[in-house]
């Protein structure tokens, strides 16, 4: 079955798509940029750079640092970051619903061998 992948270009050098949204979801789940990166098979440096790019691109934090305690610090989504994820997923669902009749017509026809 064909599927849809959404990338939203918000401006020059500012875009969000399935990879960044999944990273945000993993940060929310794991409470840490490094743990989120590990869960996605991504280095901490790469995950951190993507978070920094989103924070800069949106002009406000999508991820906030949590001050360390006994267990150390971590990271969490800001309220804005949680909204970004929710809105992206809503756009994705709406686009999938709208595109599904057209995607169904794009399925390759099996070739006879």
PDB file of N, CA and C in Angstrom:
ATOM      1  N   UNK A   1       0.844  -1.183   0.000  1.00  0.00           N
ATOM      2  CA  UNK A   1       0.000   0.000   0.000  1.00  0.00           C
ATOM      3  C   UNK A   1       0.886   1.243   0.000  1.00  0.00           C
ATOM      4  N   UNK A   2       0.544   2.181  -0.823  1.00  0.00           N
ATOM      5  CA  UNK A   2       1.271   3.449  -0.876  1.00  0.00           C
ATOM      6  C   UNK A   2       0.976   4.251   0.386  1.00  0.00           C
ATOM      7  N   UNK A   3       1.957   5.031   0.826  1.00  0.00           N
ATOM      8  CA  UNK A   3       1.747   5.873   2.003  1.00  0.00           C
ATOM      9  C   UNK A   3       2.246   7.278   1.712  1.00  0.00           C
ATOM     10  N   UNK A   4       1.826   8.187   2.540  1.00  0.00           N
ATOM     11  CA  UNK A   4       2.147   9.592   2.373  1.00  0.00           C
ATOM     12  C   UNK A   4       3.150  10.007   3.436  1.00  0.00           C
ATOM     13  N   UNK A   5       4.121  10.815   3.052  1.00  0.00           N
ATOM     14  CA  UNK A   5       5.092  11.372   3.995  1.00  0.00           C
ATOM     15  C   UNK A   5       5.025  12.883   3.843  1.00  0.00           C
ATOM     16  N   UNK A   6       4.862  13.576   4.958  1.00  0.00           N
ATOM     17  CA  UNK A   6       4.675  15.029   4.917  1.00  0.00           C
ATOM     18  C   UNK A   6       5.925  15.740   5.425  1.00  0.00           C
ATOM     19  N   UNK A   7       6.421  16.671   4.653  1.00  0.00           N
ATOM     20  CA  UNK A   7       7.472  17.585   5.092  1.00  0.00           C
ATOM     21  C   UNK A   7       6.920  18.981   4.898  1.00  0.00           C
ATOM     22  N   UNK A   8       7.003  19.783   5.942  1.00  0.00           N
ATOM     23  CA  UNK A   8       6.469  21.133   5.894  1.00  0.00           C
ATOM     24  C   UNK A   8       7.638  22.111   5.874  1.00  0.00           C
ATOM     25  N   UNK A   9       7.715  22.888   4.800  1.00  0.00           N
ATOM     26  CA  UNK A   9       8.743  23.925   4.684  1.00  0.00           C
ATOM     27  C   UNK A   9       8.171  25.202   5.270  1.00  0.00           C
ATOM     28  N   UNK A  10       8.766  25.637   6.382  1.00  0.00           N
ATOM     29  CA  UNK A  10       8.267  26.803   7.109  1.00  0.00           C
ATOM     30  C   UNK A  10       9.010  28.078   6.748  1.00  0.00           C
ATOM     31  N   UNK A  11      10.106  27.949   6.064  1.00  0.00           N
ATOM     32  CA  UNK A  11      10.915  29.090   5.664  1.00  0.00           C
ATOM     33  C   UNK A  11      12.285  28.594   5.268  1.00  0.00           C
ATOM     34  N   UNK A  12      13.158  29.509   4.871  1.00  0.00           N
ATOM     35  CA  UNK A  12      14.506  29.086   4.492  1.00  0.00           C
ATOM     36  C   UNK A  12      15.187  28.355   5.657  1.00  0.00           C
ATOM     37  N   UNK A  13      15.690  27.194   5.384  1.00  0.00           N
ATOM     38  CA  UNK A  13      16.393  26.388   6.387  1.00  0.00           C
ATOM     39  C   UNK A  13      15.540  26.060   7.604  1.00  0.00           C
ATOM     40  N   UNK A  14      14.225  26.041   7.452  1.00  0.00           N
ATOM     41  CA  UNK A  14      13.331  25.688   8.554  1.00  0.00           C
ATOM     42  C   UNK A  14      12.228  24.785   8.024  1.00  0.00           C
ATOM     43  N   UNK A  15      12.377  23.517   8.326  1.00  0.00           N
ATOM     44  CA  UNK A  15      11.380  22.544   7.877  1.00  0.00           C
ATOM     45  C   UNK A  15      11.196  21.499   8.956  1.00  0.00           C
ATOM     46  N   UNK A  16      10.048  20.858   8.901  1.00  0.00           N
ATOM     47  CA  UNK A  16       9.782  19.783   9.850  1.00  0.00           C
ATOM     48  C   UNK A  16       9.127  18.652   9.088  1.00  0.00           C
ATOM     49  N   UNK A  17       9.516  17.450   9.443  1.00  0.00           N
ATOM     50  CA  UNK A  17       8.981  16.271   8.784  1.00  0.00           C
ATOM     51  C   UNK A  17       8.941  15.115   9.754  1.00  0.00           C
ATOM     52  N   UNK A  18       8.743  13.919   9.224  1.00  0.00           N
ATOM     53  CA  UNK A  18       8.548  12.752  10.093  1.00  0.00           C
ATOM     54  C   UNK A  18       9.729  12.455  11.012  1.00  0.00           C
ATOM     55  N   UNK A  19      10.945  12.687  10.570  1.00  0.00           N
ATOM     56  CA  UNK A  19      12.112  12.388  11.398  1.00  0.00           C
ATOM     57  C   UNK A  19      12.214  13.300  12.612  1.00  0.00           C
ATOM     58  N   UNK A  20      12.049  14.594  12.404  1.00  0.00           N
ATOM     59  CA  UNK A  20      12.127  15.533  13.518  1.00  0.00           C
ATOM     60  C   UNK A  20      10.955  15.332  14.481  1.00  0.00           C
ATOM     61  N   UNK A  21       9.783  15.066  13.941  1.00  0.00           N
ATOM     62  CA  UNK A  21       8.620  14.850  14.807  1.00  0.00           C
ATOM     63  C   UNK A  21       8.820  13.578  15.634  1.00  0.00           C
ATOM     64  N   UNK A  22       9.347  12.545  15.011  1.00  0.00           N
ATOM     65  CA  UNK A  22       9.611  11.319  15.757  1.00  0.00           C
ATOM     66  C   UNK A  22      10.657  11.563  16.853  1.00  0.00           C
ATOM     67  N   UNK A  23      11.666  12.372  16.571  1.00  0.00           N
ATOM     68  CA  UNK A  23      12.659  12.725  17.584  1.00  0.00           C
ATOM     69  C   UNK A  23      11.985  13.438  18.759  1.00  0.00           C
ATOM     70  N   UNK A  24      11.103  14.391  18.463  1.00  0.00           N
ATOM     71  CA  UNK A  24      10.389  15.087  19.536  1.00  0.00           C
ATOM     72  C   UNK A  24       9.548  14.104  20.355  1.00  0.00           C
ATOM     73  N   UNK A  25       8.884  13.185  19.691  1.00  0.00           N
ATOM     74  CA  UNK A  25       8.083  12.191  20.404  1.00  0.00           C
ATOM     75  C   UNK A  25       8.950  11.310  21.302  1.00  0.00           C
ATOM     76  N   UNK A  26      10.128  10.948  20.825  1.00  0.00           N
ATOM     77  CA  UNK A  26      11.033  10.127  21.634  1.00  0.00           C
ATOM     78  C   UNK A  26      11.601  10.910  22.823  1.00  0.00           C
ATOM     79  N   UNK A  27      11.840  12.205  22.638  1.00  0.00           N
ATOM     80  CA  UNK A  27      12.294  13.035  23.761  1.00  0.00           C
ATOM     81  C   UNK A  27      11.197  13.079  24.817  1.00  0.00           C
ATOM     82  N   UNK A  28       9.950  13.254  24.385  1.00  0.00           N
ATOM     83  CA  UNK A  28       8.825  13.268  25.324  1.00  0.00           C
ATOM     84  C   UNK A  28       8.715  11.930  26.050  1.00  0.00           C
ATOM     85  N   UNK A  29       8.935  10.844  25.339  1.00  0.00           N
ATOM     86  CA  UNK A  29       8.813   9.506  25.922  1.00  0.00           C
ATOM     87  C   UNK A  29       9.962   9.177  26.873  1.00  0.00           C
ATOM     88  N   UNK A  30      11.189   9.522  26.482  1.00  0.00           N
ATOM     89  CA  UNK A  30      12.375   9.117  27.235  1.00  0.00           C
ATOM     90  C   UNK A  30      12.900  10.185  28.199  1.00  0.00           C
ATOM     91  N   UNK A  31      12.468  11.438  28.026  1.00  0.00           N
ATOM     92  CA  UNK A  31      12.920  12.499  28.914  1.00  0.00           C
ATOM     93  C   UNK A  31      14.367  12.905  28.733  1.00  0.00           C
ATOM     94  N   UNK A  32      14.917  12.625  27.553  1.00  0.00           N
ATOM     95  CA  UNK A  32      16.330  12.897  27.321  1.00  0.00           C
ATOM     96  C   UNK A  32      16.599  12.929  25.818  1.00  0.00           C
ATOM     97  N   UNK A  33      17.436  13.878  25.396  1.00  0.00           N
ATOM     98  CA  UNK A  33      17.828  13.939  23.988  1.00  0.00           C
ATOM     99  C   UNK A  33      18.696  12.744  23.637  1.00  0.00           C
ATOM    100  N   UNK A  34      19.630  12.391  24.523  1.00  0.00           N
ATOM    101  CA  UNK A  34      20.520  11.266  24.221  1.00  0.00           C
ATOM    102  C   UNK A  34      19.749   9.954  24.156  1.00  0.00           C
ATOM    103  N   UNK A  35      18.810   9.730  25.082  1.00  0.00           N
ATOM    104  CA  UNK A  35      18.017   8.489  25.055  1.00  0.00           C
ATOM    105  C   UNK A  35      17.117   8.449  23.822  1.00  0.00           C
ATOM    106  N   UNK A  36      16.583   9.594  23.446  1.00  0.00           N
ATOM    107  CA  UNK A  36      15.754   9.661  22.236  1.00  0.00           C
ATOM    108  C   UNK A  36      16.595   9.325  21.009  1.00  0.00           C
ATOM    109  N   UNK A  37      17.799   9.888  20.942  1.00  0.00           N
ATOM    110  CA  UNK A  37      18.698   9.576  19.826  1.00  0.00           C
ATOM    111  C   UNK A  37      19.027   8.098  19.768  1.00  0.00           C
ATOM    112  N   UNK A  38      19.346   7.511  20.914  1.00  0.00           N
ATOM    113  CA  UNK A  38      19.647   6.069  20.956  1.00  0.00           C
ATOM    114  C   UNK A  38      18.464   5.250  20.479  1.00  0.00           C
ATOM    115  N   UNK A  39      17.259   5.624  20.897  1.00  0.00           N
ATOM    116  CA  UNK A  39      16.057   4.884  20.493  1.00  0.00           C
ATOM    117  C   UNK A  39      15.854   4.930  18.979  1.00  0.00           C
ATOM    118  N   UNK A  40      16.361   5.982  18.364  1.00  0.00           N
ATOM    119  CA  UNK A  40      16.212   6.137  16.913  1.00  0.00           C
ATOM    120  C   UNK A  40      17.470   5.738  16.143  1.00  0.00           C
ATOM    121  N   UNK A  41      18.489   5.242  16.851  1.00  0.00           N
ATOM    122  CA  UNK A  41      19.738   4.872  16.183  1.00  0.00           C
ATOM    123  C   UNK A  41      20.503   6.090  15.699  1.00  0.00           C
ATOM    124  N   UNK A  42      20.411   7.185  16.441  1.00  0.00           N
ATOM    125  CA  UNK A  42      21.001   8.457  16.046  1.00  0.00           C
ATOM    126  C   UNK A  42      21.995   8.889  17.131  1.00  0.00           C
ATOM    127  N   UNK A  43      23.064   9.505  16.732  1.00  0.00           N
ATOM    128  CA  UNK A  43      24.027   9.987  17.720  1.00  0.00           C
ATOM    129  C   UNK A  43      23.429  11.140  18.518  1.00  0.00           C
ATOM    130  N   UNK A  44      23.970  11.340  19.726  1.00  0.00           N
ATOM    131  CA  UNK A  44      23.524  12.472  20.548  1.00  0.00           C
ATOM    132  C   UNK A  44      23.772  13.775  19.809  1.00  0.00           C
ATOM    133  N   UNK A  45      24.925  13.879  19.187  1.00  0.00           N
ATOM    134  CA  UNK A  45      25.267  15.115  18.458  1.00  0.00           C
ATOM    135  C   UNK A  45      24.240  15.424  17.382  1.00  0.00           C
ATOM    136  N   UNK A  46      23.858  14.422  16.606  1.00  0.00           N
ATOM    137  CA  UNK A  46      22.863  14.625  15.540  1.00  0.00           C
ATOM    138  C   UNK A  46      21.518  15.034  16.135  1.00  0.00           C
ATOM    139  N   UNK A  47      21.085  14.337  17.185  1.00  0.00           N
ATOM    140  CA  UNK A  47      19.807  14.656  17.830  1.00  0.00           C
ATOM    141  C   UNK A  47      19.841  16.085  18.380  1.00  0.00           C
ATOM    142  N   UNK A  48      20.934  16.436  19.053  1.00  0.00           N
ATOM    143  CA  UNK A  48      21.074  17.769  19.632  1.00  0.00           C
ATOM    144  C   UNK A  48      21.044  18.840  18.543  1.00  0.00           C
ATOM    145  N   UNK A  49      21.740  18.596  17.429  1.00  0.00           N
ATOM    146  CA  UNK A  49      21.762  19.558  16.325  1.00  0.00           C
ATOM    147  C   UNK A  49      20.370  19.749  15.731  1.00  0.00           C
ATOM    148  N   UNK A  50      19.600  18.659  15.611  1.00  0.00           N
ATOM    149  CA  UNK A  50      18.237  18.774  15.088  1.00  0.00           C
ATOM    150  C   UNK A  50      17.351  19.575  16.044  1.00  0.00           C
ATOM    151  N   UNK A  51      17.488  19.330  17.336  1.00  0.00           N
ATOM    152  CA  UNK A  51      16.723  20.085  18.335  1.00  0.00           C
ATOM    153  C   UNK A  51      17.093  21.561  18.272  1.00  0.00           C
ATOM    154  N   UNK A  52      18.382  21.865  18.217  1.00  0.00           N
ATOM    155  CA  UNK A  52      18.829  23.253  18.126  1.00  0.00           C
ATOM    156  C   UNK A  52      18.296  23.928  16.867  1.00  0.00           C
ATOM    157  N   UNK A  53      18.296  23.217  15.747  1.00  0.00           N
ATOM    158  CA  UNK A  53      17.776  23.773  14.497  1.00  0.00           C
ATOM    159  C   UNK A  53      16.285  24.083  14.623  1.00  0.00           C
ATOM    160  N   UNK A  54      15.533  23.196  15.277  1.00  0.00           N
ATOM    161  CA  UNK A  54      14.101  23.450  15.473  1.00  0.00           C
ATOM    162  C   UNK A  54      13.884  24.633  16.410  1.00  0.00           C
ATOM    163  N   UNK A  55      14.618  24.677  17.517  1.00  0.00           N
ATOM    164  CA  UNK A  55      14.485  25.794  18.460  1.00  0.00           C
ATOM    165  C   UNK A  55      14.765  27.126  17.758  1.00  0.00           C
ATOM    166  N   UNK A  56      15.821  27.149  16.961  1.00  0.00           N
ATOM    167  CA  UNK A  56      16.187  28.366  16.240  1.00  0.00           C
ATOM    168  C   UNK A  56      15.166  28.684  15.151  1.00  0.00           C
ATOM    169  N   UNK A  57      14.777  27.674  14.388  1.00  0.00           N
ATOM    170  CA  UNK A  57      13.848  27.884  13.275  1.00  0.00           C
ATOM    171  C   UNK A  57      12.488  28.389  13.717  1.00  0.00           C
ATOM    172  N   UNK A  58      11.994  27.891  14.840  1.00  0.00           N
ATOM    173  CA  UNK A  58      10.689  28.322  15.337  1.00  0.00           C
ATOM    174  C   UNK A  58      10.778  29.606  16.160  1.00  0.00           C
ATOM    175  N   UNK A  59      11.998  29.996  16.535  1.00  0.00           N
ATOM    176  CA  UNK A  59      12.161  31.204  17.309  1.00  0.00           C
ATOM    177  C   UNK A  59      11.735  31.061  18.764  1.00  0.00           C
ATOM    178  N   UNK A  60      11.510  29.844  19.174  1.00  0.00           N
ATOM    179  CA  UNK A  60      11.179  29.543  20.560  1.00  0.00           C
ATOM    180  C   UNK A  60      11.467  28.071  20.800  1.00  0.00           C
ATOM    181  N   UNK A  61      11.696  27.693  22.037  1.00  0.00           N
ATOM    182  CA  UNK A  61      12.089  26.303  22.307  1.00  0.00           C
ATOM    183  C   UNK A  61      10.974  25.295  22.036  1.00  0.00           C
ATOM    184  N   UNK A  62      11.337  24.230  21.358  1.00  0.00           N
ATOM    185  CA  UNK A  62      10.450  23.064  21.244  1.00  0.00           C
ATOM    186  C   UNK A  62      10.847  22.045  22.307  1.00  0.00           C
ATOM    187  N   UNK A  63      12.102  22.129  22.737  1.00  0.00           N
ATOM    188  CA  UNK A  63      12.630  21.248  23.786  1.00  0.00           C
ATOM    189  C   UNK A  63      13.292  22.133  24.832  1.00  0.00           C
ATOM    190  N   UNK A  64      13.045  21.802  26.097  1.00  0.00           N
ATOM    191  CA  UNK A  64      13.634  22.533  27.215  1.00  0.00           C
ATOM    192  C   UNK A  64      14.459  21.586  28.061  1.00  0.00           C
ATOM    193  N   UNK A  65      15.573  22.092  28.571  1.00  0.00           N
ATOM    194  CA  UNK A  65      16.410  21.298  29.475  1.00  0.00           C
ATOM    195  C   UNK A  65      15.733  21.221  30.835  1.00  0.00           C
ATOM    196  N   UNK A  66      15.901  20.086  31.487  1.00  0.00           N
ATOM    197  CA  UNK A  66      15.437  19.930  32.859  1.00  0.00           C
ATOM    198  C   UNK A  66      16.669  19.922  33.749  1.00  0.00           C
ATOM    199  N   UNK A  67      16.603  20.638  34.833  1.00  0.00           N
ATOM    200  CA  UNK A  67      17.727  20.726  35.757  1.00  0.00           C
ATOM    201  C   UNK A  67      17.938  19.369  36.425  1.00  0.00           C
ATOM    202  N   UNK A  68      19.198  18.989  36.547  1.00  0.00           N
ATOM    203  CA  UNK A  68      19.537  17.688  37.111  1.00  0.00           C
ATOM    204  C   UNK A  68      19.296  17.608  38.605  1.00  0.00           C
ATOM    205  N   UNK A  69      19.031  16.415  39.041  1.00  0.00           N
ATOM    206  CA  UNK A  69      18.887  16.110  40.458  1.00  0.00           C
ATOM    207  C   UNK A  69      19.721  14.874  40.725  1.00  0.00           C
ATOM    208  N   UNK A  70      19.238  14.007  41.572  1.00  0.00           N
ATOM    209  CA  UNK A  70      19.947  12.748  41.846  1.00  0.00           C
ATOM    210  C   UNK A  70      20.161  11.934  40.577  1.00  0.00           C
ATOM    211  N   UNK A  71      19.114  11.882  39.759  1.00  0.00           N
ATOM    212  CA  UNK A  71      19.182  11.073  38.535  1.00  0.00           C
ATOM    213  C   UNK A  71      19.777  11.845  37.363  1.00  0.00           C
ATOM    214  N   UNK A  72      20.169  13.085  37.571  1.00  0.00           N
ATOM    215  CA  UNK A  72      20.736  13.879  36.487  1.00  0.00           C
ATOM    216  C   UNK A  72      19.655  14.664  35.772  1.00  0.00           C
ATOM    217  N   UNK A  73      20.064  15.452  34.813  1.00  0.00           N
ATOM    218  CA  UNK A  73      19.135  16.293  34.070  1.00  0.00           C
ATOM    219  C   UNK A  73      18.442  15.519  32.975  1.00  0.00           C
ATOM    220  N   UNK A  74      17.863  16.241  32.100  1.00  0.00           N
ATOM    221  CA  UNK A  74      17.159  15.616  30.993  1.00  0.00           C
ATOM    222  C   UNK A  74      16.591  16.686  30.097  1.00  0.00           C
ATOM    223  N   UNK A  75      15.586  16.323  29.345  1.00  0.00           N
ATOM    224  CA  UNK A  75      14.938  17.256  28.435  1.00  0.00           C
ATOM    225  C   UNK A  75      13.469  16.894  28.345  1.00  0.00           C
ATOM    226  N   UNK A  76      12.678  17.892  28.049  1.00  0.00           N
ATOM    227  CA  UNK A  76      11.250  17.658  27.841  1.00  0.00           C
ATOM    228  C   UNK A  76      10.772  18.611  26.761  1.00  0.00           C
ATOM    229  N   UNK A  77       9.641  18.278  26.172  1.00  0.00           N
ATOM    230  CA  UNK A  77       9.055  19.170  25.183  1.00  0.00           C
ATOM    231  C   UNK A  77       8.469  20.375  25.903  1.00  0.00           C
ATOM    232  N   UNK A  78       8.645  21.533  25.305  1.00  0.00           N
ATOM    233  CA  UNK A  78       7.951  22.715  25.810  1.00  0.00           C
ATOM    234  C   UNK A  78       6.479  22.563  25.414  1.00  0.00           C
ATOM    235  N   UNK A  79       5.631  23.415  25.957  1.00  0.00           N
ATOM    236  CA  UNK A  79       4.217  23.397  25.549  1.00  0.00           C
ATOM    237  C   UNK A  79       4.126  23.627  24.045  1.00  0.00           C
ATOM    238  N   UNK A  80       4.967  24.526  23.530  1.00  0.00           N
ATOM    239  CA  UNK A  80       4.979  24.783  22.094  1.00  0.00           C
ATOM    240  C   UNK A  80       5.428  23.544  21.320  1.00  0.00           C
ATOM    241  N   UNK A  81       6.455  22.850  21.830  1.00  0.00           N
ATOM    242  CA  UNK A  81       6.937  21.633  21.175  1.00  0.00           C
ATOM    243  C   UNK A  81       5.854  20.563  21.112  1.00  0.00           C
ATOM    244  N   UNK A  82       5.101  20.413  22.194  1.00  0.00           N
ATOM    245  CA  UNK A  82       3.991  19.453  22.205  1.00  0.00           C
ATOM    246  C   UNK A  82       2.938  19.848  21.174  1.00  0.00           C
ATOM    247  N   UNK A  83       2.687  21.165  21.033  1.00  0.00           N
ATOM    248  CA  UNK A  83       1.747  21.640  20.014  1.00  0.00           C
ATOM    249  C   UNK A  83       2.252  21.356  18.607  1.00  0.00           C
ATOM    250  N   UNK A  84       3.551  21.539  18.393  1.00  0.00           N
ATOM    251  CA  UNK A  84       4.134  21.257  17.070  1.00  0.00           C
ATOM    252  C   UNK A  84       3.871  19.800  16.694  1.00  0.00           C
ATOM    253  N   UNK A  85       4.128  18.884  17.622  1.00  0.00           N
ATOM    254  CA  UNK A  85       3.901  17.458  17.361  1.00  0.00           C
ATOM    255  C   UNK A  85       2.423  17.203  17.084  1.00  0.00           C
ATOM    256  N   UNK A  86       1.547  17.734  17.919  1.00  0.00           N
ATOM    257  CA  UNK A  86       0.107  17.507  17.757  1.00  0.00           C
ATOM    258  C   UNK A  86      -0.397  18.055  16.422  1.00  0.00           C
ATOM    259  N   UNK A  87       0.034  19.263  16.062  1.00  0.00           N
ATOM    260  CA  UNK A  87      -0.414  19.866  14.803  1.00  0.00           C
ATOM    261  C   UNK A  87       0.144  19.112  13.599  1.00  0.00           C
ATOM    262  N   UNK A  88       1.396  18.706  13.677  1.00  0.00           N
ATOM    263  CA  UNK A  88       1.992  17.940  12.584  1.00  0.00           C
ATOM    264  C   UNK A  88       1.217  16.639  12.375  1.00  0.00           C
ATOM    265  N   UNK A  89       0.941  15.913  13.464  1.00  0.00           N
ATOM    266  CA  UNK A  89       0.213  14.640  13.356  1.00  0.00           C
ATOM    267  C   UNK A  89      -1.203  14.867  12.835  1.00  0.00           C
ATOM    268  N   UNK A  90      -1.844  15.973  13.213  1.00  0.00           N
ATOM    269  CA  UNK A  90      -3.182  16.286  12.699  1.00  0.00           C
ATOM    270  C   UNK A  90      -3.128  16.566  11.194  1.00  0.00           C
ATOM    271  N   UNK A  91      -2.116  17.309  10.763  1.00  0.00           N
ATOM    272  CA  UNK A  91      -1.928  17.580   9.330  1.00  0.00           C
ATOM    273  C   UNK A  91      -1.706  16.269   8.585  1.00  0.00           C
ATOM    274  N   UNK A  92      -0.879  15.415   9.163  1.00  0.00           N
ATOM    275  CA  UNK A  92      -0.580  14.117   8.556  1.00  0.00           C
ATOM    276  C   UNK A  92      -1.860  13.281   8.388  1.00  0.00           C
ATOM    277  N   UNK A  93      -2.684  13.220   9.436  1.00  0.00           N
ATOM    278  CA  UNK A  93      -3.943  12.443   9.365  1.00  0.00           C
ATOM    279  C   UNK A  93      -4.884  13.025   8.316  1.00  0.00           C
ATOM    280  N   UNK A  94      -5.023  14.357   8.288  1.00  0.00           N
ATOM    281  CA  UNK A  94      -5.908  15.003   7.322  1.00  0.00           C
ATOM    282  C   UNK A  94      -5.421  14.767   5.889  1.00  0.00           C
ATOM    283  N   UNK A  95      -4.120  14.876   5.684  1.00  0.00           N
ATOM    284  CA  UNK A  95      -3.561  14.661   4.344  1.00  0.00           C
ATOM    285  C   UNK A  95      -3.731  13.210   3.912  1.00  0.00           C
ATOM    286  N   UNK A  96      -3.508  12.271   4.837  1.00  0.00           N
ATOM    287  CA  UNK A  96      -3.675  10.839   4.527  1.00  0.00           C
ATOM    288  C   UNK A  96      -5.119  10.545   4.138  1.00  0.00           C
ATOM    289  N   UNK A  97      -6.049  11.114   4.883  1.00  0.00           N
ATOM    290  CA  UNK A  97      -7.470  10.902   4.581  1.00  0.00           C
ATOM    291  C   UNK A  97      -7.819  11.464   3.206  1.00  0.00           C
ATOM    292  N   UNK A  98      -7.347  12.677   2.932  1.00  0.00           N
ATOM    293  CA  UNK A  98      -7.639  13.310   1.645  1.00  0.00           C
ATOM    294  C   UNK A  98      -6.971  12.585   0.478  1.00  0.00           C
ATOM    295  N   UNK A  99      -5.785  12.055   0.709  1.00  0.00           N
ATOM    296  CA  UNK A  99      -5.019  11.433  -0.377  1.00  0.00           C
ATOM    297  C   UNK A  99      -5.324   9.954  -0.576  1.00  0.00           C
ATOM    298  N   UNK A 100      -5.950   9.301   0.408  1.00  0.00           N
ATOM    299  CA  UNK A 100      -6.096   7.840   0.339  1.00  0.00           C
ATOM    300  C   UNK A 100      -6.756   7.325  -0.941  1.00  0.00           C
ATOM    301  N   UNK A 101      -7.821   7.964  -1.475  1.00  0.00           N
ATOM    302  CA  UNK A 101      -8.382   7.423  -2.718  1.00  0.00           C
ATOM    303  C   UNK A 101      -7.400   7.511  -3.892  1.00  0.00           C
ATOM    304  N   UNK A 102      -6.564   8.526  -3.878  1.00  0.00           N
ATOM    305  CA  UNK A 102      -5.582   8.705  -4.951  1.00  0.00           C
ATOM    306  C   UNK A 102      -4.388   7.769  -4.767  1.00  0.00           C
ATOM    307  N   UNK A 103      -3.969   7.586  -3.522  1.00  0.00           N
ATOM    308  CA  UNK A 103      -2.862   6.669  -3.245  1.00  0.00           C
ATOM    309  C   UNK A 103      -3.225   5.245  -3.638  1.00  0.00           C
ATOM    310  N   UNK A 104      -4.468   4.867  -3.408  1.00  0.00           N
ATOM    311  CA  UNK A 104      -4.920   3.515  -3.752  1.00  0.00           C
ATOM    312  C   UNK A 104      -4.786   3.255  -5.247  1.00  0.00           C
ATOM    313  N   UNK A 105      -4.879   4.288  -6.060  1.00  0.00           N
ATOM    314  CA  UNK A 105      -4.782   4.128  -7.521  1.00  0.00           C
ATOM    315  C   UNK A 105      -3.336   4.096  -8.006  1.00  0.00           C
ATOM    316  N   UNK A 106      -2.377   4.331  -7.095  1.00  0.00           N
ATOM    317  CA  UNK A 106      -0.972   4.353  -7.479  1.00  0.00           C
ATOM    318  C   UNK A 106      -0.248   3.036  -7.207  1.00  0.00           C
ATOM    319  N   UNK A 107      -0.962   2.057  -6.709  1.00  0.00           N
ATOM    320  CA  UNK A 107      -0.345   0.770  -6.382  1.00  0.00           C
ATOM    321  C   UNK A 107       0.122   0.088  -7.661  1.00  0.00           C
ATOM    322  N   UNK A 108       1.367  -0.349  -7.706  1.00  0.00           N
ATOM    323  CA  UNK A 108       1.884  -1.002  -8.914  1.00  0.00           C
ATOM    324  C   UNK A 108       1.121  -2.284  -9.244  1.00  0.00           C
ATOM    325  N   UNK A 109       0.980  -2.536 -10.516  1.00  0.00           N
ATOM    326  CA  UNK A 109       0.340  -3.765 -10.985  1.00  0.00           C
ATOM    327  C   UNK A 109       1.414  -4.847 -11.071  1.00  0.00           C
ATOM    328  N   UNK A 110       1.154  -6.024 -10.492  1.00  0.00           N
ATOM    329  CA  UNK A 110       2.158  -7.103 -10.560  1.00  0.00           C
ATOM    330  C   UNK A 110       2.454  -7.495 -12.010  1.00  0.00           C
ATOM    331  N   UNK A 111       3.731  -7.727 -12.287  1.00  0.00           N
ATOM    332  CA  UNK A 111       4.167  -8.125 -13.629  1.00  0.00           C
ATOM    333  C   UNK A 111       4.191  -9.652 -13.702  1.00  0.00           C
ATOM    334  N   UNK A 112       3.781 -10.189 -14.844  1.00  0.00           N
ATOM    335  CA  UNK A 112       3.876 -11.641 -15.058  1.00  0.00           C
ATOM    336  C   UNK A 112       5.337 -12.013 -15.284  1.00  0.00           C
ATOM    337  N   UNK A 113       5.739 -13.111 -14.707  1.00  0.00           N
ATOM    338  CA  UNK A 113       7.128 -13.543 -14.870  1.00  0.00           C
ATOM    339  C   UNK A 113       7.264 -14.527 -15.974  1.00  0.00           C
TER     340      UNK A 113
END
